[in-house]
All heavy atoms as atom14 arrays in JSON, in Angstrom:
{
  "sequence": "HVASGARPLQSQRLMLHVTYHVPEIEISIERSAVDRVEVTLQNLGEFG",
  "atom14_mask": [
    [1, 1, 1, 1, 1, 1, 1, 1, 1, 1, 0, 0, 0, 0],
    [1, 1, 1, 1, 1, 1, 1, 0, 0, 0, 0, 0, 0, 0],
    [1, 1, 1, 1, 1, 0, 0, 0, 0, 0, 0, 0, 0, 0],
    [1, 1, 1, 1, 1, 1, 0, 0, 0, 0, 0, 0, 0, 0],
    [1, 1, 1, 1, 0, 0, 0, 0, 0, 0, 0, 0, 0, 0],
    [1, 1, 1, 1, 1, 0, 0, 0, 0, 0, 0, 0, 0, 0],
    [1, 1, 1, 1, 1, 1, 1, 1, 1, 1, 1, 0, 0, 0],
    [1, 1, 1, 1, 1, 1, 1, 0, 0, 0, 0, 0, 0, 0],
    [1, 1, 1, 1, 1, 1, 1, 1, 0, 0, 0, 0, 0, 0],
    [1, 1, 1, 1, 1, 1, 1, 1, 1, 0, 0, 0, 0, 0],
    [1, 1, 1, 1, 1, 1, 0, 0, 0, 0, 0, 0, 0, 0],
    [1, 1, 1, 1, 1, 1, 1, 1, 1, 0, 0, 0, 0, 0],
    [1, 1, 1, 1, 1, 1, 1, 1, 1, 1, 1, 0, 0, 0],
    [1, 1, 1, 1, 1, 1, 1, 1, 0, 0, 0, 0, 0, 0],
    [1, 1, 1, 1, 1, 1, 1, 1, 0, 0, 0, 0, 0, 0],
    [1, 1, 1, 1, 1, 1, 1, 1, 0, 0, 0, 0, 0, 0],
    [1, 1, 1, 1, 1, 1, 1, 1, 1, 1, 0, 0, 0, 0],
    [1, 1, 1, 1, 1, 1, 1, 0, 0, 0, 0, 0, 0, 0],
    [1, 1, 1, 1, 1, 1, 1, 0, 0, 0, 0, 0, 0, 0],
    [1, 1, 1, 1, 1, 1, 1, 1, 1, 1, 1, 1, 0, 0],
    [1, 1, 1, 1, 1, 1, 1, 1, 1, 1, 0, 0, 0, 0],
    [1, 1, 1, 1, 1, 1, 1, 0, 0, 0, 0, 0, 0, 0],
    [1, 1, 1, 1, 1, 1, 1, 0, 0, 0, 0, 0, 0, 0],
    [1, 1, 1, 1, 1, 1, 1, 1, 1, 0, 0, 0, 0, 0],
    [1, 1, 1, 1, 1, 1, 1, 1, 0, 0, 0, 0, 0, 0],
    [1, 1, 1, 1, 1, 1, 1, 1, 1, 0, 0, 0, 0, 0],
    [1, 1, 1, 1, 1, 1, 1, 1, 0, 0, 0, 0, 0, 0],
    [1, 1, 1, 1, 1, 1, 0, 0, 0, 0, 0, 0, 0, 0],
    [1, 1, 1, 1, 1, 1, 1, 1, 0, 0, 0, 0, 0, 0],
    [1, 1, 1, 1, 1, 1, 1, 1, 1, 0, 0, 0, 0, 0],
    [1, 1, 1, 1, 1, 1, 1, 1, 1, 1, 1, 0, 0, 0],
    [1, 1, 1, 1, 1, 1, 0, 0, 0, 0, 0, 0, 0, 0],
    [1, 1, 1, 1, 1, 0, 0, 0, 0, 0, 0, 0, 0, 0],
    [1, 1, 1, 1, 1, 1, 1, 0, 0, 0, 0, 0, 0, 0],
    [1, 1, 1, 1, 1, 1, 1, 1, 0, 0, 0, 0, 0, 0],
    [1, 1, 1, 1, 1, 1, 1, 1, 1, 1, 1, 0, 0, 0],
    [1, 1, 1, 1, 1, 1, 1, 0, 0, 0, 0, 0, 0, 0],
    [1, 1, 1, 1, 1, 1, 1, 1, 1, 0, 0, 0, 0, 0],
    [1, 1, 1, 1, 1, 1, 1, 0, 0, 0, 0, 0, 0, 0],
    [1, 1, 1, 1, 1, 1, 1, 0, 0, 0, 0, 0, 0, 0],
    [1, 1, 1, 1, 1, 1, 1, 1, 0, 0, 0, 0, 0, 0],
    [1, 1, 1, 1, 1, 1, 1, 1, 1, 0, 0, 0, 0, 0],
    [1, 1, 1, 1, 1, 1, 1, 1, 0, 0, 0, 0, 0, 0],
    [1, 1, 1, 1, 1, 1, 1, 1, 0, 0, 0, 0, 0, 0],
    [1, 1, 1, 1, 0, 0, 0, 0, 0, 0, 0, 0, 0, 0],
    [1, 1, 1, 1, 1, 1, 1, 1, 1, 0, 0, 0, 0, 0],
    [1, 1, 1, 1, 1, 1, 1, 1, 1, 1, 1, 0, 0, 0],
    [1, 1, 1, 1, 0, 0, 0, 0, 0, 0, 0, 0, 0, 0]
  ],
  "atom14_positions": [
    [[-97.86, 111.06, 42.42], [-99.29, 110.94, 42.51], [-99.57, 109.42, 42.52], [-99.08, 108.66, 41.69], [-99.96, 111.53, 41.33], [-99.78, 113.03, 41.16], [-100.37, 113.93, 42.02], [-99.07, 113.74, 40.26], [-99.97, 115.17, 41.64], [-99.13, 115.03, 40.63], [0.0, 0.0, 0.0], [0.0, 0.0, 0.0], [0.0, 0.0, 0.0], [0.0, 0.0, 0.0]],
    [[-100.32, 108.96, 43.47], [-100.75, 107.53, 43.62], [-102.27, 107.42, 43.43], [-103.0, 108.27, 43.97], [-100.34, 107.02, 44.94], [-100.77, 105.45, 45.02], [-98.83, 107.07, 45.15], [0.0, 0.0, 0.0], [0.0, 0.0, 0.0], [0.0, 0.0, 0.0], [0.0, 0.0, 0.0], [0.0, 0.0, 0.0], [0.0, 0.0, 0.0], [0.0, 0.0, 0.0]],
    [[-102.7, 106.46, 42.6], [-104.12, 106.34, 42.39], [-104.51, 104.84, 42.33], [-103.65, 103.96, 42.23], [-104.45, 107.0, 41.03], [0.0, 0.0, 0.0], [0.0, 0.0, 0.0], [0.0, 0.0, 0.0], [0.0, 0.0, 0.0], [0.0, 0.0, 0.0], [0.0, 0.0, 0.0], [0.0, 0.0, 0.0], [0.0, 0.0, 0.0], [0.0, 0.0, 0.0]],
    [[-105.82, 104.66, 42.39], [-106.39, 103.37, 42.31], [-107.34, 103.41, 41.1], [-108.44, 103.96, 41.15], [-107.18, 102.97, 43.61], [-107.9, 101.76, 43.34], [0.0, 0.0, 0.0], [0.0, 0.0, 0.0], [0.0, 0.0, 0.0], [0.0, 0.0, 0.0], [0.0, 0.0, 0.0], [0.0, 0.0, 0.0], [0.0, 0.0, 0.0], [0.0, 0.0, 0.0]],
    [[-106.9, 102.84, 39.99], [-107.7, 103.01, 38.77], [-107.78, 104.5, 38.4], [-106.78, 105.16, 38.26], [0.0, 0.0, 0.0], [0.0, 0.0, 0.0], [0.0, 0.0, 0.0], [0.0, 0.0, 0.0], [0.0, 0.0, 0.0], [0.0, 0.0, 0.0], [0.0, 0.0, 0.0], [0.0, 0.0, 0.0], [0.0, 0.0, 0.0], [0.0, 0.0, 0.0]],
    [[-109.03, 104.99, 38.22], [-109.25, 106.43, 37.96], [-109.38, 107.28, 39.2], [-109.64, 108.44, 39.11], [-110.45, 106.58, 37.05], [0.0, 0.0, 0.0], [0.0, 0.0, 0.0], [0.0, 0.0, 0.0], [0.0, 0.0, 0.0], [0.0, 0.0, 0.0], [0.0, 0.0, 0.0], [0.0, 0.0, 0.0], [0.0, 0.0, 0.0], [0.0, 0.0, 0.0]],
    [[-109.24, 106.7, 40.4], [-109.49, 107.42, 41.64], [-108.17, 107.9, 42.28], [-107.36, 106.96, 42.67], [-110.29, 106.47, 42.66], [-110.65, 107.22, 43.92], [-111.69, 106.48, 44.71], [-111.28, 105.12, 44.99], [-110.8, 104.77, 46.21], [-110.62, 105.61, 47.11], [-110.42, 103.53, 46.42], [0.0, 0.0, 0.0], [0.0, 0.0, 0.0], [0.0, 0.0, 0.0]],
    [[-107.9, 109.15, 42.38], [-106.72, 109.63, 43.06], [-106.78, 109.27, 44.58], [-107.77, 109.27, 45.2], [-106.75, 111.19, 42.85], [-107.75, 111.4, 41.77], [-108.74, 110.31, 41.82], [0.0, 0.0, 0.0], [0.0, 0.0, 0.0], [0.0, 0.0, 0.0], [0.0, 0.0, 0.0], [0.0, 0.0, 0.0], [0.0, 0.0, 0.0], [0.0, 0.0, 0.0]],
    [[-105.6, 108.9, 45.05], [-105.44, 108.52, 46.44], [-104.6, 109.42, 47.28], [-105.09, 109.96, 48.3], [-104.82, 107.12, 46.6], [-105.59, 105.93, 45.96], [-104.81, 104.64, 46.2], [-106.95, 105.83, 46.73], [0.0, 0.0, 0.0], [0.0, 0.0, 0.0], [0.0, 0.0, 0.0], [0.0, 0.0, 0.0], [0.0, 0.0, 0.0], [0.0, 0.0, 0.0]],
    [[-103.41, 109.83, 46.75], [-102.54, 110.67, 47.55], [-101.51, 111.3, 46.66], [-101.07, 110.63, 45.63], [-101.87, 109.9, 48.7], [-101.06, 110.71, 49.62], [-100.55, 109.96, 50.76], [-101.01, 108.86, 51.07], [-99.43, 110.39, 51.39], [0.0, 0.0, 0.0], [0.0, 0.0, 0.0], [0.0, 0.0, 0.0], [0.0, 0.0, 0.0], [0.0, 0.0, 0.0]],
    [[-101.0, 112.4, 47.03], [-99.82, 113.07, 46.26], [-98.87, 113.55, 47.34], [-99.2, 114.0, 48.4], [-100.37, 114.28, 45.57], [-101.23, 113.96, 44.44], [0.0, 0.0, 0.0], [0.0, 0.0, 0.0], [0.0, 0.0, 0.0], [0.0, 0.0, 0.0], [0.0, 0.0, 0.0], [0.0, 0.0, 0.0], [0.0, 0.0, 0.0], [0.0, 0.0, 0.0]],
    [[-97.59, 113.36, 47.01], [-96.53, 113.72, 48.0], [-95.42, 114.34, 47.21], [-95.02, 113.87, 46.15], [-96.0, 112.53, 48.73], [-94.96, 112.85, 49.76], [-94.59, 111.7, 50.66], [-95.44, 110.78, 50.85], [-93.39, 111.61, 51.08], [0.0, 0.0, 0.0], [0.0, 0.0, 0.0], [0.0, 0.0, 0.0], [0.0, 0.0, 0.0], [0.0, 0.0, 0.0]],
    [[-94.97, 115.47, 47.68], [-93.79, 116.25, 47.03], [-92.51, 115.69, 47.56], [-92.31, 115.69, 48.8], [-93.92, 117.66, 47.21], [-93.12, 118.51, 46.2], [-93.39, 119.95, 46.56], [-92.93, 120.8, 45.33], [-92.49, 122.07, 45.48], [-92.36, 122.63, 46.67], [-92.22, 122.73, 44.43], [0.0, 0.0, 0.0], [0.0, 0.0, 0.0], [0.0, 0.0, 0.0]],
    [[-91.52, 115.43, 46.7], [-90.22, 115.06, 47.08], [-89.2, 115.99, 46.44], [-89.49, 116.67, 45.49], [-89.93, 113.58, 46.61], [-91.01, 112.5, 46.92], [-90.59, 111.2, 46.22], [-91.05, 112.32, 48.43], [0.0, 0.0, 0.0], [0.0, 0.0, 0.0], [0.0, 0.0, 0.0], [0.0, 0.0, 0.0], [0.0, 0.0, 0.0], [0.0, 0.0, 0.0]],
    [[-87.97, 115.91, 47.03], [-86.83, 116.66, 46.37], [-85.89, 115.72, 45.81], [-85.43, 114.8, 46.36], [-86.2, 117.63, 47.42], [-87.12, 118.68, 48.04], [-87.9, 119.66, 46.8], [-86.43, 120.42, 45.99], [0.0, 0.0, 0.0], [0.0, 0.0, 0.0], [0.0, 0.0, 0.0], [0.0, 0.0, 0.0], [0.0, 0.0, 0.0], [0.0, 0.0, 0.0]],
    [[-85.68, 115.86, 44.51], [-84.8, 115.03, 43.72], [-83.42, 115.61, 43.75], [-83.14, 116.71, 43.33], [-85.26, 114.89, 42.32], [-84.82, 113.67, 41.47], [-85.35, 112.4, 42.1], [-85.39, 113.84, 40.02], [0.0, 0.0, 0.0], [0.0, 0.0, 0.0], [0.0, 0.0, 0.0], [0.0, 0.0, 0.0], [0.0, 0.0, 0.0], [0.0, 0.0, 0.0]],
    [[-82.43, 114.81, 44.28], [-81.01, 115.3, 44.35], [-80.36, 114.96, 43.04], [-80.25, 113.79, 42.61], [-80.25, 114.61, 45.45], [-80.78, 114.92, 46.76], [-80.07, 115.86, 47.66], [-81.91, 114.71, 47.53], [-80.68, 116.12, 48.71], [-81.8, 115.39, 48.71], [0.0, 0.0, 0.0], [0.0, 0.0, 0.0], [0.0, 0.0, 0.0], [0.0, 0.0, 0.0]],
    [[-79.82, 115.93, 42.34], [-79.14, 115.73, 41.04], [-77.73, 116.37, 41.17], [-77.54, 117.48, 41.69], [-79.88, 116.48, 39.94], [-79.19, 116.29, 38.58], [-81.3, 115.94, 39.78], [0.0, 0.0, 0.0], [0.0, 0.0, 0.0], [0.0, 0.0, 0.0], [0.0, 0.0, 0.0], [0.0, 0.0, 0.0], [0.0, 0.0, 0.0], [0.0, 0.0, 0.0]],
    [[-76.78, 115.63, 40.74], [-75.4, 116.16, 40.84], [-75.15, 117.33, 39.97], [-75.57, 117.4, 38.78], [-74.37, 115.01, 40.31], [-74.57, 113.84, 41.12], [-72.96, 115.44, 40.47], [0.0, 0.0, 0.0], [0.0, 0.0, 0.0], [0.0, 0.0, 0.0], [0.0, 0.0, 0.0], [0.0, 0.0, 0.0], [0.0, 0.0, 0.0], [0.0, 0.0, 0.0]],
    [[-74.62, 118.4, 40.55], [-74.41, 119.64, 39.86], [-73.0, 119.71, 39.28], [-72.01, 119.69, 40.05], [-74.61, 120.77, 40.86], [-74.39, 122.19, 40.34], [-75.2, 122.66, 39.26], [-73.43, 123.09, 40.93], [-74.97, 123.91, 38.78], [-73.3, 124.3, 40.36], [-74.0, 124.75, 39.33], [-73.83, 126.06, 38.86], [0.0, 0.0, 0.0], [0.0, 0.0, 0.0]],
    [[-72.88, 119.76, 38.05], [-71.55, 119.84, 37.37], [-71.35, 121.3, 36.91], [-72.02, 121.82, 35.96], [-71.45, 118.95, 36.15], [-71.63, 117.51, 36.51], [-70.8, 116.83, 37.37], [-72.6, 116.61, 36.14], [-71.28, 115.57, 37.54], [-72.29, 115.42, 36.77], [0.0, 0.0, 0.0], [0.0, 0.0, 0.0], [0.0, 0.0, 0.0], [0.0, 0.0, 0.0]],
    [[-70.38, 122.01, 37.52], [-70.11, 123.43, 37.13], [-69.46, 123.39, 35.74], [-68.49, 122.7, 35.54], [-69.08, 124.03, 38.15], [-68.81, 125.48, 37.7], [-69.65, 124.02, 39.51], [0.0, 0.0, 0.0], [0.0, 0.0, 0.0], [0.0, 0.0, 0.0], [0.0, 0.0, 0.0], [0.0, 0.0, 0.0], [0.0, 0.0, 0.0], [0.0, 0.0, 0.0]],
    [[-70.11, 124.17, 34.76], [-69.53, 124.16, 33.4], [-68.22, 124.83, 33.35], [-68.0, 125.93, 34.04], [-70.59, 124.94, 32.61], [-71.33, 125.73, 33.65], [-71.3, 124.97, 34.91], [0.0, 0.0, 0.0], [0.0, 0.0, 0.0], [0.0, 0.0, 0.0], [0.0, 0.0, 0.0], [0.0, 0.0, 0.0], [0.0, 0.0, 0.0], [0.0, 0.0, 0.0]],
    [[-67.26, 124.29, 32.62], [-65.93, 124.95, 32.42], [-65.79, 125.14, 30.97], [-65.56, 124.16, 30.15], [-64.87, 123.96, 32.99], [-64.94, 123.71, 34.48], [-63.88, 122.79, 34.91], [-62.7, 123.12, 34.84], [-64.2, 121.7, 35.42], [0.0, 0.0, 0.0], [0.0, 0.0, 0.0], [0.0, 0.0, 0.0], [0.0, 0.0, 0.0], [0.0, 0.0, 0.0]],
    [[-65.78, 126.35, 30.48], [-65.63, 126.58, 29.04], [-64.62, 127.82, 28.93], [-64.56, 128.66, 29.76], [-66.93, 127.07, 28.39], [-67.65, 128.2, 29.08], [-67.9, 125.81, 28.37], [-68.84, 128.71, 28.32], [0.0, 0.0, 0.0], [0.0, 0.0, 0.0], [0.0, 0.0, 0.0], [0.0, 0.0, 0.0], [0.0, 0.0, 0.0], [0.0, 0.0, 0.0]],
    [[-63.94, 127.74, 27.81], [-63.14, 128.93, 27.38], [-63.79, 129.56, 26.18], [-64.16, 128.84, 25.25], [-61.75, 128.39, 27.04], [-60.75, 129.6, 26.6], [-59.37, 129.09, 26.19], [-59.3, 128.56, 25.12], [-58.49, 129.18, 27.02], [0.0, 0.0, 0.0], [0.0, 0.0, 0.0], [0.0, 0.0, 0.0], [0.0, 0.0, 0.0], [0.0, 0.0, 0.0]],
    [[-63.86, 130.82, 26.26], [-64.52, 131.6, 25.15], [-63.48, 132.51, 24.44], [-62.87, 133.3, 25.16], [-65.67, 132.49, 25.73], [-66.73, 131.59, 26.43], [-66.29, 133.24, 24.51], [-67.75, 132.4, 27.13], [0.0, 0.0, 0.0], [0.0, 0.0, 0.0], [0.0, 0.0, 0.0], [0.0, 0.0, 0.0], [0.0, 0.0, 0.0], [0.0, 0.0, 0.0]],
    [[-63.31, 132.24, 23.18], [-62.4, 133.07, 22.36], [-63.21, 133.89, 21.44], [-64.07, 133.33, 20.69], [-61.4, 132.18, 21.66], [-60.64, 131.35, 22.5], [0.0, 0.0, 0.0], [0.0, 0.0, 0.0], [0.0, 0.0, 0.0], [0.0, 0.0, 0.0], [0.0, 0.0, 0.0], [0.0, 0.0, 0.0], [0.0, 0.0, 0.0], [0.0, 0.0, 0.0]],
    [[-62.91, 135.18, 21.31], [-63.64, 136.06, 20.41], [-62.51, 136.77, 19.54], [-61.57, 137.37, 20.03], [-64.48, 137.07, 21.14], [-65.53, 136.38, 21.99], [-65.1, 138.0, 20.18], [-66.27, 137.33, 22.84], [0.0, 0.0, 0.0], [0.0, 0.0, 0.0], [0.0, 0.0, 0.0], [0.0, 0.0, 0.0], [0.0, 0.0, 0.0], [0.0, 0.0, 0.0]],
    [[-62.73, 136.68, 18.23], [-61.82, 137.35, 17.24], [-62.65, 138.15, 16.3], [-63.55, 137.68, 15.65], [-60.93, 136.3, 16.59], [-59.93, 136.91, 15.7], [-58.96, 135.93, 15.15], [-58.94, 134.75, 15.6], [-58.09, 136.24, 14.27], [0.0, 0.0, 0.0], [0.0, 0.0, 0.0], [0.0, 0.0, 0.0], [0.0, 0.0, 0.0], [0.0, 0.0, 0.0]],
    [[-62.19, 139.37, 16.06], [-62.81, 140.13, 14.99], [-62.25, 139.66, 13.59], [-61.14, 139.9, 13.25], [-62.48, 141.61, 15.15], [-63.38, 142.37, 16.11], [-63.16, 143.8, 16.08], [-63.92, 144.54, 17.05], [-65.15, 145.14, 16.78], [-65.58, 144.96, 15.5], [-65.75, 145.78, 17.75], [0.0, 0.0, 0.0], [0.0, 0.0, 0.0], [0.0, 0.0, 0.0]],
    [[-63.13, 139.0, 12.85], [-62.73, 138.5, 11.59], [-62.84, 139.57, 10.49], [-62.34, 139.54, 9.42], [-63.56, 137.26, 11.12], [-64.9, 137.54, 11.26], [0.0, 0.0, 0.0], [0.0, 0.0, 0.0], [0.0, 0.0, 0.0], [0.0, 0.0, 0.0], [0.0, 0.0, 0.0], [0.0, 0.0, 0.0], [0.0, 0.0, 0.0], [0.0, 0.0, 0.0]],
    [[-63.65, 140.63, 10.81], [-63.85, 141.84, 10.03], [-64.36, 142.96, 10.9], [-64.67, 142.63, 12.13], [-64.73, 141.57, 8.8], [0.0, 0.0, 0.0], [0.0, 0.0, 0.0], [0.0, 0.0, 0.0], [0.0, 0.0, 0.0], [0.0, 0.0, 0.0], [0.0, 0.0, 0.0], [0.0, 0.0, 0.0], [0.0, 0.0, 0.0], [0.0, 0.0, 0.0]],
    [[-64.47, 144.17, 10.37], [-64.98, 145.21, 11.23], [-66.4, 144.9, 11.62], [-66.78, 145.22, 12.86], [-65.02, 146.51, 10.35], [-65.63, 147.68, 11.17], [-63.55, 146.92, 10.03], [0.0, 0.0, 0.0], [0.0, 0.0, 0.0], [0.0, 0.0, 0.0], [0.0, 0.0, 0.0], [0.0, 0.0, 0.0], [0.0, 0.0, 0.0], [0.0, 0.0, 0.0]],
    [[-67.2, 144.21, 10.79], [-68.54, 143.97, 11.2], [-68.89, 142.45, 11.43], [-70.03, 142.05, 11.27], [-69.45, 144.48, 9.98], [-69.18, 143.8, 8.67], [-68.13, 143.09, 8.6], [-69.9, 144.0, 7.68], [0.0, 0.0, 0.0], [0.0, 0.0, 0.0], [0.0, 0.0, 0.0], [0.0, 0.0, 0.0], [0.0, 0.0, 0.0], [0.0, 0.0, 0.0]],
    [[-67.84, 141.72, 11.78], [-68.09, 140.31, 12.07], [-67.17, 139.88, 13.23], [-66.03, 140.38, 13.32], [-67.85, 139.45, 10.83], [-68.7, 139.77, 9.67], [-68.66, 138.64, 8.59], [-69.31, 137.46, 8.97], [-70.63, 137.27, 8.85], [-71.38, 138.25, 8.41], [-71.2, 136.13, 9.24], [0.0, 0.0, 0.0], [0.0, 0.0, 0.0], [0.0, 0.0, 0.0]],
    [[-67.62, 138.9, 13.99], [-66.82, 138.26, 15.04], [-66.82, 136.75, 14.89], [-67.87, 136.19, 14.5], [-67.17, 138.7, 16.46], [-66.91, 140.1, 16.71], [-68.65, 138.43, 16.74], [0.0, 0.0, 0.0], [0.0, 0.0, 0.0], [0.0, 0.0, 0.0], [0.0, 0.0, 0.0], [0.0, 0.0, 0.0], [0.0, 0.0, 0.0], [0.0, 0.0, 0.0]],
    [[-65.77, 136.08, 15.19], [-65.71, 134.6, 15.24], [-65.64, 134.24, 16.72], [-64.7, 134.6, 17.45], [-64.55, 134.12, 14.45], [-64.55, 132.59, 14.4], [-63.35, 132.02, 13.54], [-62.27, 131.99, 14.09], [-63.66, 131.65, 12.38], [0.0, 0.0, 0.0], [0.0, 0.0, 0.0], [0.0, 0.0, 0.0], [0.0, 0.0, 0.0], [0.0, 0.0, 0.0]],
    [[-66.59, 133.4, 17.18], [-66.68, 132.97, 18.62], [-66.25, 131.46, 18.64], [-66.9, 130.67, 17.94], [-68.03, 133.24, 19.21], [-68.06, 132.79, 20.66], [-68.44, 134.65, 19.05], [0.0, 0.0, 0.0], [0.0, 0.0, 0.0], [0.0, 0.0, 0.0], [0.0, 0.0, 0.0], [0.0, 0.0, 0.0], [0.0, 0.0, 0.0], [0.0, 0.0, 0.0]],
    [[-65.27, 131.11, 19.38], [-64.91, 129.75, 19.62], [-65.12, 129.29, 21.08], [-64.62, 130.04, 21.96], [-63.37, 129.55, 19.2], [-63.22, 130.01, 17.87], [-62.98, 128.08, 19.32], [0.0, 0.0, 0.0], [0.0, 0.0, 0.0], [0.0, 0.0, 0.0], [0.0, 0.0, 0.0], [0.0, 0.0, 0.0], [0.0, 0.0, 0.0], [0.0, 0.0, 0.0]],
    [[-65.75, 128.19, 21.26], [-65.96, 127.67, 22.6], [-65.25, 126.4, 22.77], [-65.27, 125.52, 21.87], [-67.43, 127.45, 22.85], [-68.39, 128.65, 22.73], [-69.8, 128.17, 23.24], [-67.93, 129.75, 23.68], [0.0, 0.0, 0.0], [0.0, 0.0, 0.0], [0.0, 0.0, 0.0], [0.0, 0.0, 0.0], [0.0, 0.0, 0.0], [0.0, 0.0, 0.0]],
    [[-64.53, 126.15, 23.8], [-63.9, 124.96, 24.21], [-64.37, 124.44, 25.55], [-64.39, 125.14, 26.47], [-62.33, 125.1, 24.19], [-61.64, 123.76, 24.57], [-60.12, 123.88, 24.56], [-59.57, 124.95, 24.48], [-59.45, 122.77, 24.7], [0.0, 0.0, 0.0], [0.0, 0.0, 0.0], [0.0, 0.0, 0.0], [0.0, 0.0, 0.0], [0.0, 0.0, 0.0]],
    [[-64.82, 123.13, 25.53], [-65.37, 122.59, 26.72], [-64.12, 122.03, 27.53], [-63.53, 121.04, 27.19], [-66.38, 121.47, 26.45], [-66.95, 120.86, 27.68], [-66.59, 121.2, 28.81], [-67.84, 119.91, 27.46], [0.0, 0.0, 0.0], [0.0, 0.0, 0.0], [0.0, 0.0, 0.0], [0.0, 0.0, 0.0], [0.0, 0.0, 0.0], [0.0, 0.0, 0.0]],
    [[-63.75, 122.71, 28.68], [-62.63, 122.28, 29.41], [-63.05, 121.26, 30.54], [-62.11, 120.71, 31.25], [-62.07, 123.47, 30.14], [-61.59, 124.67, 29.18], [-61.06, 125.86, 30.04], [-60.51, 124.24, 28.19], [0.0, 0.0, 0.0], [0.0, 0.0, 0.0], [0.0, 0.0, 0.0], [0.0, 0.0, 0.0], [0.0, 0.0, 0.0], [0.0, 0.0, 0.0]],
    [[-64.41, 120.98, 30.71], [-64.79, 120.16, 31.75], [-64.85, 118.66, 31.38], [-64.53, 118.33, 30.25], [0.0, 0.0, 0.0], [0.0, 0.0, 0.0], [0.0, 0.0, 0.0], [0.0, 0.0, 0.0], [0.0, 0.0, 0.0], [0.0, 0.0, 0.0], [0.0, 0.0, 0.0], [0.0, 0.0, 0.0], [0.0, 0.0, 0.0], [0.0, 0.0, 0.0]],
    [[-65.26, 117.84, 32.28], [-65.33, 116.42, 32.12], [-66.59, 115.99, 31.63], [-66.85, 114.77, 31.37], [-65.0, 115.66, 33.43], [-63.59, 115.93, 34.02], [-63.29, 115.31, 35.35], [-64.24, 114.54, 35.75], [-62.2, 115.56, 35.86], [0.0, 0.0, 0.0], [0.0, 0.0, 0.0], [0.0, 0.0, 0.0], [0.0, 0.0, 0.0], [0.0, 0.0, 0.0]],
    [[-67.61, 116.84, 31.5], [-69.02, 116.47, 31.12], [-69.42, 117.26, 29.91], [-68.98, 118.46, 29.73], [-69.91, 116.7, 32.26], [-69.56, 115.88, 33.54], [-68.75, 116.48, 34.49], [-70.01, 114.63, 33.73], [-68.4, 115.82, 35.6], [-69.68, 113.88, 34.84], [-68.86, 114.51, 35.78], [0.0, 0.0, 0.0], [0.0, 0.0, 0.0], [0.0, 0.0, 0.0]],
    [[-70.29, 116.64, 29.04], [-70.75, 117.38, 27.91], [-71.67, 118.43, 28.16], [-72.25, 118.56, 29.27], [0.0, 0.0, 0.0], [0.0, 0.0, 0.0], [0.0, 0.0, 0.0], [0.0, 0.0, 0.0], [0.0, 0.0, 0.0], [0.0, 0.0, 0.0], [0.0, 0.0, 0.0], [0.0, 0.0, 0.0], [0.0, 0.0, 0.0], [0.0, 0.0, 0.0]]
  ]
}
């Protein structure tokens, strides 16, 4: 949005290019009891 003081002048829509990092995770699930599970996640990728 572009304005002059309080007066709107023009609006233009743009497309922002953002790098897409495919998440790489390993999911481990272990039954710690009959009624409980322990879930472990490991980030295998290069990005947080």
